[in-house]
Amino acid sequence: MPVDTQQLLDAAEKLGKLVTEHPILGRYTDASRLLSADSEATRLLADMDREIQAVSQQEQQGVPPTPAQKQRLQSLQATLAGNLKVKNFTLAQYELTDLLRSISQSWQKPIAEVQKAASSKTAAAPAAPASKLVF
């Protein structure tokens, strides 16, 4: 039985609501809130972002990062890696991304199978003769 667009949209909305009820999203939300409340961690993340942007802009202009910039990035990275709230957020972010990737692969799989079957039928079909137009 054919499915109409509204049925697909309704199913997608239901899936979205199910994701909001998954514990991984709760962990991500909690970790994000705790990270945002930590002024030291947010300052470190902002410093890291600024350093990365500065180095990226230099590299786009053909200027490699200086040893001082490399040292600063390594120092910021080590400090961030030691921050428990950053670790928790990073883990929760990874788990959520992995869940969303798995969901995406699940709904894409049957579509890919139909496309593969269709392309194999097209490849197996004999080529149509070229028409010859005479003027």
Protein backbone atom coordinates (compact mmCIF):
# COMPACT_ATOMS: atom_id res chain seq x y z
CA MET A 1 0.00 0.00 0.00
CA PRO A 2 1.50 3.37 -0.98
CA VAL A 3 2.46 5.76 1.77
CA ASP A 4 1.77 9.46 1.50
CA THR A 5 4.06 12.28 2.59
CA GLN A 6 2.05 13.09 5.71
CA GLN A 7 2.42 9.50 6.96
CA LEU A 8 6.18 9.79 6.56
CA LEU A 9 6.25 13.13 8.39
CA ASP A 10 4.11 11.73 11.20
CA ALA A 11 6.42 8.73 11.56
CA ALA A 12 9.47 11.02 11.57
CA GLU A 13 7.91 13.15 14.32
CA LYS A 14 7.16 10.01 16.34
CA LEU A 15 10.77 8.90 15.91
CA GLY A 16 11.97 12.31 17.07
CA LYS A 17 9.81 12.07 20.18
CA LEU A 18 11.18 8.59 20.89
CA VAL A 19 14.72 9.93 20.67
CA THR A 20 13.86 12.64 23.22
CA GLU A 21 12.85 9.88 25.63
CA HIS A 22 16.11 7.94 25.22
CA PRO A 23 18.47 8.12 28.23
CA ILE A 24 21.37 9.17 26.02
CA LEU A 25 19.64 12.45 25.20
CA GLY A 26 19.04 13.02 28.90
CA ARG A 27 22.74 12.46 29.65
CA TYR A 28 23.70 14.82 26.85
CA THR A 29 21.33 17.53 28.10
CA ASP A 30 22.57 17.17 31.69
CA ALA A 31 26.22 17.21 30.64
CA SER A 32 25.62 20.27 28.45
CA ARG A 33 23.90 22.13 31.28
CA LEU A 34 26.69 21.28 33.75
CA LEU A 35 29.35 22.33 31.26
CA SER A 36 27.61 25.64 30.58
CA ALA A 37 27.47 26.33 34.32
CA ASP A 38 31.23 25.80 34.69
CA SER A 39 32.80 29.20 33.95
CA GLU A 40 36.35 27.80 33.91
CA ALA A 41 35.46 25.10 31.37
CA THR A 42 33.56 27.52 29.13
CA ARG A 43 36.49 29.97 29.27
CA LEU A 44 38.92 27.19 28.33
CA LEU A 45 36.70 26.07 25.45
CA ALA A 46 36.44 29.66 24.19
CA ASP A 47 40.24 30.05 24.42
CA MET A 48 40.71 26.81 22.50
CA ASP A 49 38.24 27.91 19.84
CA ARG A 50 40.03 31.25 19.41
CA GLU A 51 43.42 29.55 19.11
CA ILE A 52 42.11 27.07 16.54
CA GLN A 53 40.52 29.86 14.49
CA ALA A 54 43.74 31.91 14.56
CA VAL A 55 45.83 28.95 13.44
CA SER A 56 43.31 28.04 10.73
CA GLN A 57 43.33 31.57 9.34
CA GLN A 58 47.13 31.56 9.27
CA GLU A 59 47.23 28.19 7.54
CA GLN A 60 44.78 29.43 4.89
CA GLN A 61 47.28 32.21 4.18
CA GLY A 62 50.10 29.69 3.95
CA VAL A 63 51.61 30.54 7.34
CA PRO A 64 52.27 27.52 9.57
CA PRO A 65 51.50 27.69 13.29
CA THR A 66 54.29 29.01 15.46
CA PRO A 67 55.87 26.86 18.16
CA ALA A 68 54.20 29.13 20.75
CA GLN A 69 50.79 28.53 19.17
CA LYS A 70 51.37 24.77 19.11
CA GLN A 71 52.41 24.88 22.77
CA ARG A 72 49.34 26.94 23.69
CA LEU A 73 47.02 24.48 21.88
CA GLN A 74 48.66 21.50 23.57
CA SER A 75 48.39 23.17 26.96
CA LEU A 76 44.72 24.03 26.45
CA GLN A 77 43.99 20.54 25.20
CA ALA A 78 45.65 18.95 28.23
CA THR A 79 43.78 21.26 30.61
CA LEU A 80 40.46 20.54 28.90
CA ALA A 81 41.14 16.79 28.92
CA GLY A 82 41.54 16.96 32.68
CA ASN A 83 38.23 18.76 33.23
CA LEU A 84 35.59 16.26 34.36
CA LYS A 85 32.67 18.27 32.97
CA VAL A 86 34.32 18.52 29.56
CA LYS A 87 35.01 14.77 29.62
CA ASN A 88 31.40 13.99 30.53
CA PHE A 89 30.06 16.31 27.86
CA THR A 90 32.39 14.88 25.21
CA LEU A 91 31.33 11.33 26.06
CA ALA A 92 27.63 12.24 26.05
CA GLN A 93 28.05 14.07 22.74
CA TYR A 94 29.76 11.01 21.23
CA GLU A 95 27.02 8.68 22.49
CA LEU A 96 24.27 10.91 21.09
CA THR A 97 26.03 11.24 17.73
CA ASP A 98 26.48 7.47 17.58
CA LEU A 99 22.79 6.89 18.39
CA LEU A 100 21.68 9.35 15.69
CA ARG A 101 24.08 7.74 13.19
CA SER A 102 22.64 4.30 13.96
CA ILE A 103 19.08 5.57 13.54
CA SER A 104 20.00 7.22 10.25
CA GLN A 105 21.61 4.05 8.94
CA SER A 106 18.53 2.04 9.96
CA TRP A 107 16.08 4.09 7.92
CA GLN A 108 18.49 4.47 5.00
CA LYS A 109 19.18 0.73 4.68
CA PRO A 110 15.85 -0.32 3.07
CA ILE A 111 16.05 2.65 0.69
CA ALA A 112 19.58 1.67 -0.36
CA GLU A 113 18.42 -1.91 -0.95
CA VAL A 114 15.59 -0.73 -3.24
CA GLN A 115 18.00 1.56 -5.10
CA LYS A 116 20.52 -1.26 -5.47
CA ALA A 117 17.86 -3.62 -6.82
CA ALA A 118 16.65 -0.98 -9.26
CA SER A 119 20.16 -0.22 -10.52
CA SER A 120 20.95 -3.91 -10.98
CA LYS A 121 17.77 -4.33 -13.05
CA THR A 122 18.71 -1.30 -15.13
CA ALA A 123 22.23 -2.64 -15.69
CA ALA A 124 20.87 -6.05 -16.73
CA ALA A 125 18.38 -4.61 -19.23
CA PRO A 126 19.57 -4.45 -22.83
CA ALA A 127 20.39 -1.02 -24.09
CA ALA A 128 17.71 0.59 -26.21
CA PRO A 129 18.73 0.97 -29.83
CA ALA A 130 19.76 4.45 -30.79
CA SER A 131 17.14 6.12 -32.92
CA LYS A 132 18.21 7.30 -36.32
CA LEU A 133 16.69 10.55 -37.35
CA VAL A 134 16.75 11.42 -40.98
CA PHE A 135 16.37 14.99 -42.13
